[in-house]
Amino acid sequence: MQTDPNQHRELGAFLRSRRERITPDAVGLPHAGRRRTPGLRREEHAACSPGSGRRPAAIRATPGTPG
């Protein structure tokens, strides 16, 4: 099944926007120092999420998609 690279980009942007809305304090994680971007880091989000946290990172790591 072929997927459109724009779909991967849009999904990555969606996931990133949701992570940015959540603060570590809101989910009971300890303060980890200075952050370059707002919200949870991928690893923190995965630790709080049911199931595997590897899928969103794998989607975002698809060749041709940013970051």
PDB file of N, CA and C in Angstrom:
ATOM      1  N   MET A   1       0.830  -1.175   0.000  1.00  0.00           N
ATOM      2  CA  MET A   1       0.000   0.000   0.000  1.00  0.00           C
ATOM      3  C   MET A   1       0.879   1.244   0.000  1.00  0.00           C
ATOM      4  N   GLN A   2       0.721   2.058  -0.996  1.00  0.00           N
ATOM      5  CA  GLN A   2       1.479   3.306  -1.098  1.00  0.00           C
ATOM      6  C   GLN A   2       0.805   4.388  -0.269  1.00  0.00           C
ATOM      7  N   THR A   3       1.614   5.197   0.376  1.00  0.00           N
ATOM      8  CA  THR A   3       1.070   6.324   1.127  1.00  0.00           C
ATOM      9  C   THR A   3       1.655   7.612   0.583  1.00  0.00           C
ATOM     10  N   ASP A   4       0.894   8.627   0.662  1.00  0.00           N
ATOM     11  CA  ASP A   4       1.291   9.938   0.192  1.00  0.00           C
ATOM     12  C   ASP A   4       2.249  10.567   1.210  1.00  0.00           C
ATOM     13  N   PRO A   5       3.405  11.061   0.775  1.00  0.00           N
ATOM     14  CA  PRO A   5       4.331  11.706   1.714  1.00  0.00           C
ATOM     15  C   PRO A   5       3.682  12.860   2.473  1.00  0.00           C
ATOM     16  N   ASN A   6       2.718  13.528   1.853  1.00  0.00           N
ATOM     17  CA  ASN A   6       2.025  14.616   2.551  1.00  0.00           C
ATOM     18  C   ASN A   6       1.225  14.099   3.740  1.00  0.00           C
ATOM     19  N   GLN A   7       0.682  12.885   3.632  1.00  0.00           N
ATOM     20  CA  GLN A   7      -0.059  12.307   4.748  1.00  0.00           C
ATOM     21  C   GLN A   7       0.862  12.087   5.940  1.00  0.00           C
ATOM     22  N   HIS A   8       2.064  11.604   5.689  1.00  0.00           N
ATOM     23  CA  HIS A   8       3.036  11.401   6.768  1.00  0.00           C
ATOM     24  C   HIS A   8       3.397  12.731   7.416  1.00  0.00           C
ATOM     25  N   ARG A   9       3.601  13.745   6.596  1.00  0.00           N
ATOM     26  CA  ARG A   9       3.946  15.068   7.104  1.00  0.00           C
ATOM     27  C   ARG A   9       2.807  15.632   7.952  1.00  0.00           C
ATOM     28  N   GLU A  10       1.575  15.484   7.457  1.00  0.00           N
ATOM     29  CA  GLU A  10       0.411  15.985   8.184  1.00  0.00           C
ATOM     30  C   GLU A  10       0.217  15.242   9.500  1.00  0.00           C
ATOM     31  N   LEU A  11       0.399  13.927   9.480  1.00  0.00           N
ATOM     32  CA  LEU A  11       0.266  13.156  10.705  1.00  0.00           C
ATOM     33  C   LEU A  11       1.344  13.557  11.705  1.00  0.00           C
ATOM     34  N   GLY A  12       2.573  13.726  11.251  1.00  0.00           N
ATOM     35  CA  GLY A  12       3.650  14.168  12.135  1.00  0.00           C
ATOM     36  C   GLY A  12       3.347  15.518  12.755  1.00  0.00           C
ATOM     37  N   ALA A  13       2.821  16.440  11.967  1.00  0.00           N
ATOM     38  CA  ALA A  13       2.460  17.764  12.476  1.00  0.00           C
ATOM     39  C   ALA A  13       1.336  17.661  13.503  1.00  0.00           C
ATOM     40  N   PHE A  14       0.366  16.797  13.234  1.00  0.00           N
ATOM     41  CA  PHE A  14      -0.739  16.603  14.168  1.00  0.00           C
ATOM     42  C   PHE A  14      -0.228  16.052  15.496  1.00  0.00           C
ATOM     43  N   LEU A  15       0.585  15.005  15.442  1.00  0.00           N
ATOM     44  CA  LEU A  15       1.108  14.400  16.670  1.00  0.00           C
ATOM     45  C   LEU A  15       1.958  15.388  17.455  1.00  0.00           C
ATOM     46  N   ARG A  16       2.781  16.146  16.751  1.00  0.00           N
ATOM     47  CA  ARG A  16       3.633  17.144  17.393  1.00  0.00           C
ATOM     48  C   ARG A  16       2.782  18.210  18.084  1.00  0.00           C
ATOM     49  N   SER A  17       1.713  18.674  17.418  1.00  0.00           N
ATOM     50  CA  SER A  17       0.859  19.707  18.003  1.00  0.00           C
ATOM     51  C   SER A  17       0.170  19.199  19.267  1.00  0.00           C
ATOM     52  N   ARG A  18      -0.200  17.927  19.285  1.00  0.00           N
ATOM     53  CA  ARG A  18      -0.835  17.377  20.483  1.00  0.00           C
ATOM     54  C   ARG A  18       0.160  17.236  21.628  1.00  0.00           C
ATOM     55  N   ARG A  19       1.377  16.802  21.324  1.00  0.00           N
ATOM     56  CA  ARG A  19       2.407  16.691  22.365  1.00  0.00           C
ATOM     57  C   ARG A  19       2.719  18.048  22.970  1.00  0.00           C
ATOM     58  N   GLU A  20       2.736  19.093  22.141  1.00  0.00           N
ATOM     59  CA  GLU A  20       3.084  20.429  22.609  1.00  0.00           C
ATOM     60  C   GLU A  20       2.049  21.001  23.568  1.00  0.00           C
ATOM     61  N   ARG A  21       0.824  20.491  23.522  1.00  0.00           N
ATOM     62  CA  ARG A  21      -0.240  20.994  24.391  1.00  0.00           C
ATOM     63  C   ARG A  21      -0.159  20.454  25.813  1.00  0.00           C
ATOM     64  N   ILE A  22       0.578  19.376  26.009  1.00  0.00           N
ATOM     65  CA  ILE A  22       0.630  18.712  27.309  1.00  0.00           C
ATOM     66  C   ILE A  22       1.939  19.058  28.006  1.00  0.00           C
ATOM     67  N   THR A  23       1.841  19.475  29.253  1.00  0.00           N
ATOM     68  CA  THR A  23       3.055  19.771  30.020  1.00  0.00           C
ATOM     69  C   THR A  23       3.411  18.562  30.882  1.00  0.00           C
ATOM     70  N   PRO A  24       4.683  18.396  31.207  1.00  0.00           N
ATOM     71  CA  PRO A  24       5.063  17.290  32.084  1.00  0.00           C
ATOM     72  C   PRO A  24       4.335  17.347  33.429  1.00  0.00           C
ATOM     73  N   ASP A  25       4.160  18.550  33.964  1.00  0.00           N
ATOM     74  CA  ASP A  25       3.447  18.690  35.247  1.00  0.00           C
ATOM     75  C   ASP A  25       2.021  18.153  35.158  1.00  0.00           C
ATOM     76  N   ALA A  26       1.385  18.340  34.011  1.00  0.00           N
ATOM     77  CA  ALA A  26      -0.007  17.912  33.837  1.00  0.00           C
ATOM     78  C   ALA A  26      -0.168  16.400  33.909  1.00  0.00           C
ATOM     79  N   VAL A  27       0.874  15.656  33.589  1.00  0.00           N
ATOM     80  CA  VAL A  27       0.785  14.189  33.606  1.00  0.00           C
ATOM     81  C   VAL A  27       1.610  13.570  34.731  1.00  0.00           C
ATOM     82  N   GLY A  28       2.097  14.410  35.643  1.00  0.00           N
ATOM     83  CA  GLY A  28       2.809  13.901  36.811  1.00  0.00           C
ATOM     84  C   GLY A  28       4.251  13.500  36.585  1.00  0.00           C
ATOM     85  N   LEU A  29       4.869  14.011  35.535  1.00  0.00           N
ATOM     86  CA  LEU A  29       6.282  13.714  35.290  1.00  0.00           C
ATOM     87  C   LEU A  29       7.153  14.747  36.001  1.00  0.00           C
ATOM     88  N   PRO A  30       8.327  14.351  36.457  1.00  0.00           N
ATOM     89  CA  PRO A  30       9.211  15.302  37.130  1.00  0.00           C
ATOM     90  C   PRO A  30       9.756  16.344  36.156  1.00  0.00           C
ATOM     91  N   HIS A  31      10.081  17.508  36.683  1.00  0.00           N
ATOM     92  CA  HIS A  31      10.671  18.570  35.874  1.00  0.00           C
ATOM     93  C   HIS A  31      12.057  18.123  35.425  1.00  0.00           C
ATOM     94  N   ALA A  32      12.307  18.158  34.131  1.00  0.00           N
ATOM     95  CA  ALA A  32      13.561  17.642  33.579  1.00  0.00           C
ATOM     96  C   ALA A  32      14.482  18.748  33.093  1.00  0.00           C
ATOM     97  N   GLY A  33      14.306  19.939  33.597  1.00  0.00           N
ATOM     98  CA  GLY A  33      15.189  21.033  33.181  1.00  0.00           C
ATOM     99  C   GLY A  33      14.644  21.810  32.000  1.00  0.00           C
ATOM    100  N   ARG A  34      15.520  22.571  31.386  1.00  0.00           N
ATOM    101  CA  ARG A  34      15.154  23.445  30.281  1.00  0.00           C
ATOM    102  C   ARG A  34      14.707  22.645  29.059  1.00  0.00           C
ATOM    103  N   ARG A  35      13.703  23.153  28.355  1.00  0.00           N
ATOM    104  CA  ARG A  35      13.200  22.505  27.148  1.00  0.00           C
ATOM    105  C   ARG A  35      13.339  23.457  25.976  1.00  0.00           C
ATOM    106  N   ARG A  36      13.723  22.931  24.850  1.00  0.00           N
ATOM    107  CA  ARG A  36      13.832  23.752  23.638  1.00  0.00           C
ATOM    108  C   ARG A  36      12.474  23.996  23.005  1.00  0.00           C
ATOM    109  N   THR A  37      11.575  23.034  23.147  1.00  0.00           N
ATOM    110  CA  THR A  37      10.230  23.163  22.592  1.00  0.00           C
ATOM    111  C   THR A  37       9.217  22.892  23.694  1.00  0.00           C
ATOM    112  N   PRO A  38       8.008  23.422  23.549  1.00  0.00           N
ATOM    113  CA  PRO A  38       6.993  23.198  24.577  1.00  0.00           C
ATOM    114  C   PRO A  38       6.467  21.769  24.560  1.00  0.00           C
ATOM    115  N   GLY A  39       5.878  21.380  25.671  1.00  0.00           N
ATOM    116  CA  GLY A  39       5.197  20.094  25.735  1.00  0.00           C
ATOM    117  C   GLY A  39       6.083  18.920  26.076  1.00  0.00           C
ATOM    118  N   LEU A  40       5.530  17.742  25.856  1.00  0.00           N
ATOM    119  CA  LEU A  40       6.230  16.504  26.184  1.00  0.00           C
ATOM    120  C   LEU A  40       7.223  16.114  25.094  1.00  0.00           C
ATOM    121  N   ARG A  41       8.285  15.476  25.521  1.00  0.00           N
ATOM    122  CA  ARG A  41       9.209  14.869  24.567  1.00  0.00           C
ATOM    123  C   ARG A  41       8.577  13.564  24.090  1.00  0.00           C
ATOM    124  N   ARG A  42       9.049  13.055  22.966  1.00  0.00           N
ATOM    125  CA  ARG A  42       8.485  11.809  22.421  1.00  0.00           C
ATOM    126  C   ARG A  42       8.523  10.677  23.439  1.00  0.00           C
ATOM    127  N   GLU A  43       9.646  10.541  24.132  1.00  0.00           N
ATOM    128  CA  GLU A  43       9.810   9.449  25.088  1.00  0.00           C
ATOM    129  C   GLU A  43       8.830   9.606  26.244  1.00  0.00           C
ATOM    130  N   GLU A  44       8.610  10.852  26.695  1.00  0.00           N
ATOM    131  CA  GLU A  44       7.679  11.099  27.790  1.00  0.00           C
ATOM    132  C   GLU A  44       6.254  10.775  27.352  1.00  0.00           C
ATOM    133  N   HIS A  45       5.923  11.160  26.152  1.00  0.00           N
ATOM    134  CA  HIS A  45       4.592  10.864  25.627  1.00  0.00           C
ATOM    135  C   HIS A  45       4.390   9.359  25.535  1.00  0.00           C
ATOM    136  N   ALA A  46       5.389   8.659  25.060  1.00  0.00           N
ATOM    137  CA  ALA A  46       5.295   7.201  24.938  1.00  0.00           C
ATOM    138  C   ALA A  46       5.134   6.552  26.312  1.00  0.00           C
ATOM    139  N   ALA A  47       5.835   7.079  27.310  1.00  0.00           N
ATOM    140  CA  ALA A  47       5.747   6.509  28.651  1.00  0.00           C
ATOM    141  C   ALA A  47       4.353   6.678  29.244  1.00  0.00           C
ATOM    142  N   CYS A  48       3.640   7.709  28.840  1.00  0.00           N
ATOM    143  CA  CYS A  48       2.296   7.986  29.367  1.00  0.00           C
ATOM    144  C   CYS A  48       1.191   7.354  28.527  1.00  0.00           C
ATOM    145  N   SER A  49       1.536   6.863  27.359  1.00  0.00           N
ATOM    146  CA  SER A  49       0.531   6.359  26.422  1.00  0.00           C
ATOM    147  C   SER A  49       0.384   4.856  26.542  1.00  0.00           C
ATOM    148  N   PRO A  50      -0.857   4.375  26.429  1.00  0.00           N
ATOM    149  CA  PRO A  50      -1.033   2.923  26.397  1.00  0.00           C
ATOM    150  C   PRO A  50      -0.523   2.378  25.061  1.00  0.00           C
ATOM    151  N   GLY A  51      -0.051   1.177  25.072  1.00  0.00           N
ATOM    152  CA  GLY A  51       0.461   0.578  23.835  1.00  0.00           C
ATOM    153  C   GLY A  51       1.879   1.016  23.559  1.00  0.00           C
ATOM    154  N   SER A  52       2.292   0.821  22.348  1.00  0.00           N
ATOM    155  CA  SER A  52       3.665   1.123  21.964  1.00  0.00           C
ATOM    156  C   SER A  52       3.838   2.584  21.618  1.00  0.00           C
ATOM    157  N   GLY A  53       4.860   3.210  22.154  1.00  0.00           N
ATOM    158  CA  GLY A  53       5.184   4.582  21.805  1.00  0.00           C
ATOM    159  C   GLY A  53       6.084   4.671  20.597  1.00  0.00           C
ATOM    160  N   ARG A  54       6.456   3.522  20.040  1.00  0.00           N
ATOM    161  CA  ARG A  54       7.371   3.512  18.901  1.00  0.00           C
ATOM    162  C   ARG A  54       6.677   3.872  17.594  1.00  0.00           C
ATOM    163  N   ARG A  55       5.400   3.629  17.468  1.00  0.00           N
ATOM    164  CA  ARG A  55       4.715   3.870  16.203  1.00  0.00           C
ATOM    165  C   ARG A  55       4.760   5.340  15.769  1.00  0.00           C
ATOM    166  N   PRO A  56       4.401   6.310  16.620  1.00  0.00           N
ATOM    167  CA  PRO A  56       4.489   7.701  16.163  1.00  0.00           C
ATOM    168  C   PRO A  56       5.903   8.094  15.733  1.00  0.00           C
ATOM    169  N   ALA A  57       6.910   7.639  16.463  1.00  0.00           N
ATOM    170  CA  ALA A  57       8.286   7.961  16.089  1.00  0.00           C
ATOM    171  C   ALA A  57       8.639   7.301  14.760  1.00  0.00           C
ATOM    172  N   ALA A  58       8.160   6.081  14.562  1.00  0.00           N
ATOM    173  CA  ALA A  58       8.443   5.384  13.306  1.00  0.00           C
ATOM    174  C   ALA A  58       7.765   6.080  12.136  1.00  0.00           C
ATOM    175  N   ILE A  59       6.575   6.589  12.341  1.00  0.00           N
ATOM    176  CA  ILE A  59       5.879   7.308  11.279  1.00  0.00           C
ATOM    177  C   ILE A  59       6.653   8.578  10.944  1.00  0.00           C
ATOM    178  N   ARG A  60       7.080   9.320  11.981  1.00  0.00           N
ATOM    179  CA  ARG A  60       7.778  10.570  11.755  1.00  0.00           C
ATOM    180  C   ARG A  60       9.159  10.326  11.156  1.00  0.00           C
ATOM    181  N   ALA A  61       9.717   9.140  11.362  1.00  0.00           N
ATOM    182  CA  ALA A  61      11.060   8.843  10.851  1.00  0.00           C
ATOM    183  C   ALA A  61      11.034   8.305   9.427  1.00  0.00           C
ATOM    184  N   THR A  62       9.861   8.307   8.814  1.00  0.00           N
ATOM    185  CA  THR A  62       9.748   7.828   7.443  1.00  0.00           C
ATOM    186  C   THR A  62      10.591   8.705   6.527  1.00  0.00           C
ATOM    187  N   PRO A  63      11.366   8.107   5.620  1.00  0.00           N
ATOM    188  CA  PRO A  63      12.199   8.910   4.727  1.00  0.00           C
ATOM    189  C   PRO A  63      11.383   9.978   3.999  1.00  0.00           C
ATOM    190  N   GLY A  64      11.947  11.157   3.947  1.00  0.00           N
ATOM    191  CA  GLY A  64      11.297  12.262   3.257  1.00  0.00           C
ATOM    192  C   GLY A  64      10.436  13.124   4.143  1.00  0.00           C
ATOM    193  N   THR A  65      10.300  12.752   5.437  1.00  0.00           N
ATOM    194  CA  THR A  65       9.516  13.580   6.344  1.00  0.00           C
ATOM    195  C   THR A  65      10.441  14.263   7.335  1.00  0.00           C
ATOM    196  N   PRO A  66      10.137  15.487   7.687  1.00  0.00           N
ATOM    197  CA  PRO A  66      10.978  16.202   8.645  1.00  0.00           C
ATOM    198  C   PRO A  66      10.817  15.659  10.052  1.00  0.00           C
ATOM    199  N   GLY A  67      11.868  15.714  10.823  1.00  0.00           N
ATOM    200  CA  GLY A  67      11.999  15.464  12.162  1.00  0.00           C
ATOM    201  C   GLY A  67      11.362  14.621  13.067  1.00  0.00           C
TER     202      GLY A  67
END
